[in-house]
Protein backbone atom coordinates (compact mmCIF):
# COMPACT_ATOMS: atom_id res chain seq x y z
CA MET A 1 183.80 82.52 23.78
CA LYS A 2 180.07 80.85 23.20
CA TYR A 3 182.05 77.72 24.29
CA LEU A 4 183.37 80.05 28.02
CA LEU A 5 180.32 81.43 28.64
CA TYR A 6 178.26 78.40 28.52
CA MET A 7 181.32 76.44 30.96
CA LEU A 8 181.37 79.36 32.81
CA SER A 9 177.48 79.45 33.24
CA ILE A 10 177.57 75.72 33.95
CA THR A 11 179.86 76.08 36.77
CA ILE A 12 177.80 78.42 38.58
CA ILE A 13 174.89 76.64 38.52
CA THR A 14 176.77 73.56 39.88
CA MET A 15 178.52 75.70 42.85
CA ILE A 16 175.07 77.15 43.87
CA LEU A 17 173.68 72.93 43.90
CA ILE A 18 176.17 72.00 46.08
CA TYR A 19 175.79 75.19 48.41
CA ILE A 20 172.26 74.36 48.66
CA GLY A 21 173.14 71.17 49.62
CA TYR A 22 175.27 71.83 51.92
CA LEU A 23 172.97 73.66 53.79
CA LYS A 24 169.93 71.10 53.83
CA GLU A 25 172.68 68.49 55.28
CA ALA A 26 173.39 71.61 57.53
CA ARG A 27 169.62 71.95 58.39
CA LEU A 28 168.61 68.14 58.35
CA SER A 29 168.58 67.00 62.07
CA SER A 30 166.41 69.92 62.93
CA GLU A 31 164.27 69.62 60.12
CA LEU A 32 163.46 65.75 61.31
CA ILE A 33 162.96 66.56 64.80
CA ASN A 34 160.62 69.23 63.85
CA VAL A 35 158.68 66.61 61.48
CA LEU A 36 158.25 64.23 64.22
CA TYR A 37 157.23 66.95 66.94
CA ILE A 38 154.61 67.81 64.52
CA LYS A 39 153.58 64.48 63.47
CA ALA A 40 153.17 63.58 67.78
CA ARG A 41 151.35 66.74 67.97
CA LYS A 42 148.83 66.39 66.15
CA LYS A 43 148.59 62.80 67.25
CA ILE A 44 148.35 63.72 70.57
CA LEU A 45 145.47 66.44 70.08
CA ASN A 46 143.54 64.55 67.72
CA TYR A 47 142.95 61.83 70.07
CA LEU A 48 142.43 63.99 72.87
CA ASN A 49 139.83 65.68 70.70
CA LYS A 50 137.95 61.98 70.46
CA ASN A 51 138.67 61.49 74.26
CA LYS A 52 138.64 64.24 75.86
CA LYS A 53 141.47 63.51 78.60
CA ALA A 54 144.21 60.83 78.52
CA SER A 55 146.97 60.35 81.05
CA ILE A 56 150.70 60.46 80.39
CA ILE A 57 150.86 56.45 79.72
CA GLU A 58 148.12 56.25 77.33
CA LEU A 59 150.10 59.50 75.28
CA GLN A 60 153.70 57.54 75.24
CA GLU A 61 151.60 54.50 73.95
CA LEU A 62 150.35 56.60 71.44
CA ILE A 63 153.24 58.40 70.61
CA LYS A 64 156.18 55.41 70.89
CA ASN A 65 156.19 54.22 67.29
CA ILE A 66 155.90 57.80 65.36
CA LYS A 67 158.57 57.73 62.33
CA GLY A 68 159.42 61.24 60.77
CA ARG A 69 161.40 62.15 57.51
CA VAL A 70 161.10 65.01 55.18
CA PHE A 71 161.19 64.38 50.92
CA TRP A 72 164.59 65.12 49.70
CA SER A 73 166.20 62.54 52.42
CA LYS A 74 166.85 59.18 52.92
CA LYS A 75 167.08 59.26 56.69
CA GLN A 76 164.79 59.17 58.92
CA VAL A 77 164.05 59.42 62.57
CA LYS A 78 161.35 57.75 65.23
CA ILE A 79 160.76 58.26 68.81
CA ASN A 80 162.84 56.26 71.10
CA GLU A 81 162.27 57.91 74.51
CA PRO A 82 158.32 58.93 74.34
CA ASP A 83 157.94 59.79 78.46
CA LYS A 84 160.57 62.54 77.79
CA PHE A 85 158.87 63.39 74.13
CA VAL A 86 155.41 63.60 75.18
CA GLU A 87 156.32 65.71 78.39
CA LEU A 88 157.76 68.42 75.58
CA ILE A 89 154.60 68.52 73.69
CA ILE A 90 152.25 68.78 76.92
CA ASN A 91 154.47 71.39 78.35
CA ASP A 92 153.95 73.07 75.01
CA LEU A 93 150.56 72.22 74.87
CA HIS A 94 149.70 73.70 78.39
CA GLN A 95 151.98 76.76 77.28
CA LYS A 96 149.60 77.81 74.58
CA GLY A 97 146.46 77.51 76.18
CA LEU A 98 145.29 74.21 74.04
CA ILE A 99 145.49 71.87 77.19
CA ASP A 100 144.32 71.97 81.23
CA ILE A 101 146.84 69.54 82.79
CA ASP A 102 145.41 67.97 86.38
CA PHE A 103 146.80 65.32 88.77
CA LYS A 104 144.88 62.44 89.86
CA GLY A 105 145.94 59.59 92.40
CA GLY A 106 149.25 60.32 91.61
CA LYS A 107 148.80 59.96 88.03
CA LYS A 108 149.00 63.59 85.44
CA ILE A 109 145.74 63.55 83.52
CA ILE A 110 145.22 66.06 80.66
CA TRP A 111 142.60 67.32 79.41
CA ILE A 112 141.62 69.02 76.30
CA LYS A 113 140.15 72.95 76.56
CA GLU A 114 136.87 73.22 75.32
């Protein structure tokens, strides 16, 4: 009887751990993109706080080699298209009211709100 309960508990614990692994694997891509977005957003905000303004090209160069990974996986992501990623971040920051966007000489200039 004792042996049966021991085997049953090990089986249940193993099934729970496998299920948690499947859930984490299913959410891995969204977690990686979220980590990448947070890193790039932080880097852009720090740069804008330091310099007060920047062009889109400067911000693209700033985030072009950022990599992101989660601690429980060997997989990682890297920004391959910084032009599209910068636009997503800039639009989000503008909607939240953290930055202003201005056009000067055909260039998009980003200003930090104070």
